[in-house]
Amino acid sequence: IIGGGIVGVEFAQILARLRVEVTLIGSRGTILPREDPELSEALLTVLRSEGVRWEANTRITRAARRAAAKVVMGERADGEQVEIEADEILIATGRAPNIERLGLDDAGIALSGRGIVVDATMRTTNAQVYAVGDVTGIYPFTHVADYQARIAEHNLLEDGPPVKSDYRVVPWVTFCDPELARVGLTEDEARAGAYDVVTATVPFADLPRAMTMDERHGMVRLVVDRQDRKILGGHALGAGAGELIGEIAVVMEQGLPVDAIAATIHPYPTMSEAVFWAAYQMVNDVLTPPTAANT
């Protein structure tokens, strides 16, 4: 499998669990390079335990047939040449918009390197034409395409001021086992943005619900700006991680401080307590120095 992103990782695990020998090839040092490095590494450990072979820092340059096999050839970051034989090759290096032969130039619709150019209302450079979904190259997710479609529908059919898209809070999930979910910034991205960054992490192993489900592998991590106490990013690895990230996304979208989660009663025993305890730890231990009153 060529590509260490979401699709490549998901299919690597699917095929490995079907007893297929899988080699996953990526041009970066780890899988899922857009995710929190610690969580990506933890997921890679799981994949390796299931038999997936990981070829890091390898750029594939060509493929060929050799007798009954197929061969991919490339180069590692240190210059070493590499050849890998396989029965089949799966290319999972990302999506490209299918816009050839549509006559977009004739319609006055501009293109960028990633797709059709749209403004915040989803309108193209032809005022009569709107574009949504992967063809815009903004975020290749079904839920983002649905969000864009609702904006375009409103702006096409409703009177009044146009609705504008806002991508500051976009959650996504890698549907492996365990799931890996994210919204907002990683710690490294936040520090690069000159925020006063603090983090809090709660392992699933501490949760009663995770113990009863025997799903102790995973964690929730919050990235917060110390100055305004707002959540900059949320990350979850483990069973139901995709369900947990929604609460964090709502708080971020509404511009609420992390205190909003810490002050909310969460049902016991549930996996949602991971989000609660991460927020509680942030409020009482990280943002506020521990004292006899709050320990």
Foldseek 3Di string as FASTA:
>chain_A
DEAQELVLLAVLQVVLVVVDQAEYEYLAQFHHVQDAVVQRVLVVVVSVVSRYHYHYNWDWDDWDDDVQWIKTWTAHPVGDIDIDIDNDDDDDHDDAAPCPPVCCVVQVFDADPRATDAFQLQATRNNVDGDFESRNRPDNDPVRRVVSVVQNVCVVPHDDDGDGDDQQWDKDWRPDAFIKIKTAHHQVVVVVVVAQKDKFKDFQLPAPVCVVVVWRHKMKMWIARLPLQATRMIIITTHPRVVLVVVNSVCNVVVHHLVVLCVDDDDPRDPNVRSNVRSLCCVAPPSHPHDPVRD
